[in-house]
C-alpha atoms as a PDB file:
ATOM      1  CA  UNK A   1     109.770  94.356  89.182  1.00  0.00           C
ATOM      2  CA  UNK A   2     106.232  96.174  89.119  1.00  0.00           C
ATOM      3  CA  UNK A   3     107.778  99.670  88.874  1.00  0.00           C
ATOM      4  CA  UNK A   4     109.962  98.663  85.778  1.00  0.00           C
ATOM      5  CA  UNK A   5     107.229  97.152  83.886  1.00  0.00           C
ATOM      6  CA  UNK A   6     105.331 100.306  84.497  1.00  0.00           C
ATOM      7  CA  UNK A   7     107.688 102.416  83.262  1.00  0.00           C
ATOM      8  CA  UNK A   8     108.353 100.317  80.087  1.00  0.00           C
ATOM      9  CA  UNK A   9     104.537 100.290  79.459  1.00  0.00           C
ATOM     10  CA  UNK A  10     104.168 104.273  79.757  1.00  0.00           C
ATOM     11  CA  UNK A  11     106.132 104.290  76.671  1.00  0.00           C
ATOM     12  CA  UNK A  12     108.383 107.371  77.723  1.00  0.00           C
ATOM     13  CA  UNK A  13     105.656 109.162  79.884  1.00  0.00           C
ATOM     14  CA  UNK A  14     106.722 110.170  83.382  1.00  0.00           C
ATOM     15  CA  UNK A  15     104.491 111.023  86.043  1.00  0.00           C
ATOM     16  CA  UNK A  16     105.300 113.148  89.122  1.00  0.00           C
ATOM     17  CA  UNK A  17     103.607 112.520  92.150  1.00  0.00           C
ATOM     18  CA  UNK A  18     104.099 115.173  94.663  1.00  0.00           C
ATOM     19  CA  UNK A  19     103.423 114.023  98.304  1.00  0.00           C
ATOM     20  CA  UNK A  20     104.188 116.945 100.967  1.00  0.00           C
ATOM     21  CA  UNK A  21     104.761 116.435 104.554  1.00  0.00           C
ATOM     22  CA  UNK A  22     102.045 116.709 107.066  1.00  0.00           C
ATOM     23  CA  UNK A  23     101.395 119.856 108.655  1.00  0.00           C
ATOM     24  CA  UNK A  24     101.824 119.749 112.570  1.00  0.00           C
ATOM     25  CA  UNK A  25      97.946 119.845 112.871  1.00  0.00           C
ATOM     26  CA  UNK A  26      97.572 116.957 110.653  1.00  0.00           C
ATOM     27  CA  UNK A  27     100.344 114.768 112.135  1.00  0.00           C
ATOM     28  CA  UNK A  28      98.889 115.365 115.556  1.00  0.00           C
ATOM     29  CA  UNK A  29      95.323 114.416 114.598  1.00  0.00           C
ATOM     30  CA  UNK A  30      96.844 111.089 112.842  1.00  0.00           C
ATOM     31  CA  UNK A  31      99.285 110.427 115.655  1.00  0.00           C
ATOM     32  CA  UNK A  32      96.823 111.010 118.542  1.00  0.00           C
ATOM     33  CA  UNK A  33      93.690 109.794 116.762  1.00  0.00           C
ATOM     34  CA  UNK A  34      91.843 112.802 117.650  1.00  0.00           C
ATOM     35  CA  UNK A  35      90.040 115.569 115.811  1.00  0.00           C
ATOM     36  CA  UNK A  36      91.918 118.812 116.606  1.00  0.00           C
ATOM     37  CA  UNK A  37      89.995 121.854 116.308  1.00  0.00           C
ATOM     38  CA  UNK A  38      91.963 124.206 118.605  1.00  0.00           C
ATOM     39  CA  UNK A  39      95.710 123.363 118.554  1.00  0.00           C
ATOM     40  CA  UNK A  40      96.223 125.541 121.974  1.00  0.00           C
ATOM     41  CA  UNK A  41      93.985 123.229 123.888  1.00  0.00           C
ATOM     42  CA  UNK A  42      96.269 120.482 122.686  1.00  0.00           C
ATOM     43  CA  UNK A  43      99.332 122.223 123.070  1.00  0.00           C
ATOM     44  CA  UNK A  44     101.031 119.882 125.899  1.00  0.00           C
ATOM     45  CA  UNK A  45     100.286 116.876 123.848  1.00  0.00           C
ATOM     46  CA  UNK A  46     101.703 118.377 120.716  1.00  0.00           C
ATOM     47  CA  UNK A  47     104.778 119.283 122.345  1.00  0.00           C
ATOM     48  CA  UNK A  48     105.181 115.883 123.461  1.00  0.00           C
ATOM     49  CA  UNK A  49     105.194 114.495 119.951  1.00  0.00           C
ATOM     50  CA  UNK A  50     107.007 117.280 118.156  1.00  0.00           C
ATOM     51  CA  UNK A  51     110.262 115.278 117.708  1.00  0.00           C
ATOM     52  CA  UNK A  52     107.969 112.451 116.354  1.00  0.00           C
ATOM     53  CA  UNK A  53     106.696 114.927 113.908  1.00  0.00           C
ATOM     54  CA  UNK A  54     110.179 116.013 112.750  1.00  0.00           C
ATOM     55  CA  UNK A  55     111.222 112.281 112.411  1.00  0.00           C
ATOM     56  CA  UNK A  56     107.928 110.905 110.632  1.00  0.00           C
ATOM     57  CA  UNK A  57     106.270 114.048 108.673  1.00  0.00           C
ATOM     58  CA  UNK A  58     104.634 111.607 106.242  1.00  0.00           C
ATOM     59  CA  UNK A  59     101.104 110.076 106.554  1.00  0.00           C
ATOM     60  CA  UNK A  60     102.263 106.546 105.666  1.00  0.00           C
ATOM     61  CA  UNK A  61     104.703 106.264 108.480  1.00  0.00           C
ATOM     62  CA  UNK A  62     103.018 108.442 111.347  1.00  0.00           C
ATOM     63  CA  UNK A  63     102.600 105.086 113.415  1.00  0.00           C
ATOM     64  CA  UNK A  64     105.579 103.391 112.713  1.00  0.00           C
ATOM     65  CA  UNK A  65     107.877 102.771 115.725  1.00  0.00           C
ATOM     66  CA  UNK A  66     110.876 101.004 114.176  1.00  0.00           C
ATOM     67  CA  UNK A  67     113.513 103.833 113.909  1.00  0.00           C
ATOM     68  CA  UNK A  68     115.628 101.898 111.290  1.00  0.00           C
ATOM     69  CA  UNK A  69     112.540 101.410 109.285  1.00  0.00           C
ATOM     70  CA  UNK A  70     111.609 104.923 109.317  1.00  0.00           C
ATOM     71  CA  UNK A  71     115.201 106.282 108.287  1.00  0.00           C
ATOM     72  CA  UNK A  72     115.198 103.562 105.320  1.00  0.00           C
ATOM     73  CA  UNK A  73     111.898 104.908 104.199  1.00  0.00           C
ATOM     74  CA  UNK A  74     113.142 108.692 104.612  1.00  0.00           C
ATOM     75  CA  UNK A  75     116.462 107.549 102.957  1.00  0.00           C
ATOM     76  CA  UNK A  76     114.661 105.928  99.728  1.00  0.00           C
ATOM     77  CA  UNK A  77     111.583 107.719  99.374  1.00  0.00           C
ATOM     78  CA  UNK A  78     112.972 111.146  99.918  1.00  0.00           C
ATOM     79  CA  UNK A  79     116.630 111.877 100.141  1.00  0.00           C
ATOM     80  CA  UNK A  80     117.394 109.602  97.377  1.00  0.00           C
ATOM     81  CA  UNK A  81     114.633 110.933  95.151  1.00  0.00           C
ATOM     82  CA  UNK A  82     115.739 114.522  95.537  1.00  0.00           C
ATOM     83  CA  UNK A  83     117.334 115.737  92.324  1.00  0.00           C
ATOM     84  CA  UNK A  84     116.756 112.490  90.534  1.00  0.00           C
ATOM     85  CA  UNK A  85     115.900 113.474  86.887  1.00  0.00           C
ATOM     86  CA  UNK A  86     113.158 111.454  85.102  1.00  0.00           C
ATOM     87  CA  UNK A  87     114.497 108.724  83.328  1.00  0.00           C
ATOM     88  CA  UNK A  88     113.526 108.426  79.485  1.00  0.00           C
ATOM     89  CA  UNK A  89     113.781 105.221  77.593  1.00  0.00           C
END
């Protein structure tokens, strides 16, 4: 596995990469493929996609449609990572 190899090669170093959820505006722009200058103009569209934003707030999953895949990503990449201390070998 690449991750295990990388960890071994880093000789005890640990790098934290923080990926914050998208803002509603950022999500809307990615989801709608439009540059949004004024959220008020797009209010109806934004309200329509709000539930999608709640389910998929990360850039890499904005366009995903498979609910199982989305849940798996959130579980593996977010929920299971919360509170995990770095491993030192």
